């Protein structure tokens, strides 16, 4: 794994996740830019090298931008996105 790939996994994505709290749309744009610039193989290596929390947070950024109808029937996701569900 290259130094650049390690940087994405350990620096860029965690920083992007932290900034997503203030601007989820910007975070999604940056994720899309990374996904289009890097090859699928390199992106897969970066994501595989990321921590489970970073993987989950990136997924949540993407899912939050989808219409609710897309994931409304998926009970585990409801529990994650709606903390009042028990």
Protein backbone atom coordinates (compact mmCIF):
# COMPACT_ATOMS: atom_id res chain seq x y z
CA UNK A 1 0.00 0.00 0.00
CA UNK A 2 1.36 3.41 -0.95
CA UNK A 3 1.81 6.36 1.40
CA UNK A 4 -0.96 8.17 -0.48
CA UNK A 5 -3.37 5.28 0.09
CA UNK A 6 -2.50 5.20 3.79
CA UNK A 7 -3.08 8.96 3.94
CA UNK A 8 -6.57 8.58 2.45
CA UNK A 9 -7.44 5.80 4.91
CA UNK A 10 -6.01 7.37 8.08
CA UNK A 11 -6.12 11.12 7.46
CA UNK A 12 -8.37 12.23 4.61
CA UNK A 13 -11.46 10.08 5.20
CA UNK A 14 -11.53 10.64 9.00
CA UNK A 15 -11.18 14.40 8.45
CA UNK A 16 -13.88 14.31 5.82
CA UNK A 17 -16.18 12.46 8.22
CA UNK A 18 -15.61 15.06 10.94
CA UNK A 19 -16.39 17.87 8.51
CA UNK A 20 -19.50 16.05 7.25
CA UNK A 21 -21.32 17.06 10.43
CA UNK A 22 -21.38 20.65 9.16
CA UNK A 23 -21.75 19.92 5.45
CA UNK A 24 -22.88 16.45 4.41
CA UNK A 25 -23.31 17.57 0.80
CA UNK A 26 -19.69 18.72 0.58
CA UNK A 27 -18.53 15.45 2.12
CA UNK A 28 -20.52 13.47 -0.42
CA UNK A 29 -19.02 15.55 -3.22
CA UNK A 30 -15.50 14.82 -1.96
CA UNK A 31 -16.23 11.11 -1.63
CA UNK A 32 -17.52 11.09 -5.21
CA UNK A 33 -14.42 12.93 -6.43
CA UNK A 34 -12.13 10.39 -4.77
CA UNK A 35 -14.17 7.52 -6.19
CA UNK A 36 -13.94 8.90 -9.73
CA UNK A 37 -10.25 9.83 -9.62
CA UNK A 38 -8.93 6.60 -8.16
CA UNK A 39 -9.20 3.22 -9.79
CA UNK A 40 -11.68 0.77 -8.23
CA UNK A 41 -8.76 -1.41 -7.09
CA UNK A 42 -7.02 1.45 -5.29
CA UNK A 43 -10.26 2.66 -3.72
CA UNK A 44 -11.00 -0.88 -2.51
CA UNK A 45 -7.53 -1.09 -0.93
CA UNK A 46 -8.04 2.24 0.84
CA UNK A 47 -11.46 1.27 2.18
CA UNK A 48 -10.19 -2.16 3.25
CA UNK A 49 -7.33 -0.47 5.12
CA UNK A 50 -9.71 1.97 6.84
CA UNK A 51 -11.03 1.27 10.31
CA UNK A 52 -14.51 -0.25 10.67
CA UNK A 53 -15.75 3.06 12.11
CA UNK A 54 -14.51 5.02 9.09
CA UNK A 55 -16.19 2.50 6.76
CA UNK A 56 -19.47 2.81 8.66
CA UNK A 57 -19.29 6.61 8.73
CA UNK A 58 -18.61 6.84 5.00
CA UNK A 59 -21.54 4.55 4.32
CA UNK A 60 -23.81 6.68 6.51
CA UNK A 61 -22.80 9.85 4.64
CA UNK A 62 -23.81 8.19 1.40
CA UNK A 63 -27.04 6.70 2.77
CA UNK A 64 -28.20 9.99 4.30
CA UNK A 65 -28.31 11.50 0.83
CA UNK A 66 -30.70 8.85 -0.49
CA UNK A 67 -34.46 9.28 -0.30
CA UNK A 68 -35.92 7.68 2.83
CA UNK A 69 -37.95 5.28 0.68
CA UNK A 70 -34.75 3.57 -0.43
CA UNK A 71 -33.92 2.31 3.05
CA UNK A 72 -37.15 2.67 5.04
CA UNK A 73 -37.87 -1.08 4.98
CA UNK A 74 -34.43 -1.99 6.30
CA UNK A 75 -34.95 -2.29 10.09
CA UNK A 76 -31.28 -2.31 11.23
CA UNK A 77 -30.66 0.91 9.33
CA UNK A 78 -33.72 2.50 10.93
CA UNK A 79 -32.25 1.79 14.35
CA UNK A 80 -29.00 3.46 13.34
CA UNK A 81 -30.55 6.51 11.68
CA UNK A 82 -33.41 6.93 14.17
CA UNK A 83 -32.09 6.71 17.75
CA UNK A 84 -35.62 6.80 19.22
CA UNK A 85 -36.38 3.32 17.83
CA UNK A 86 -35.80 0.60 20.41
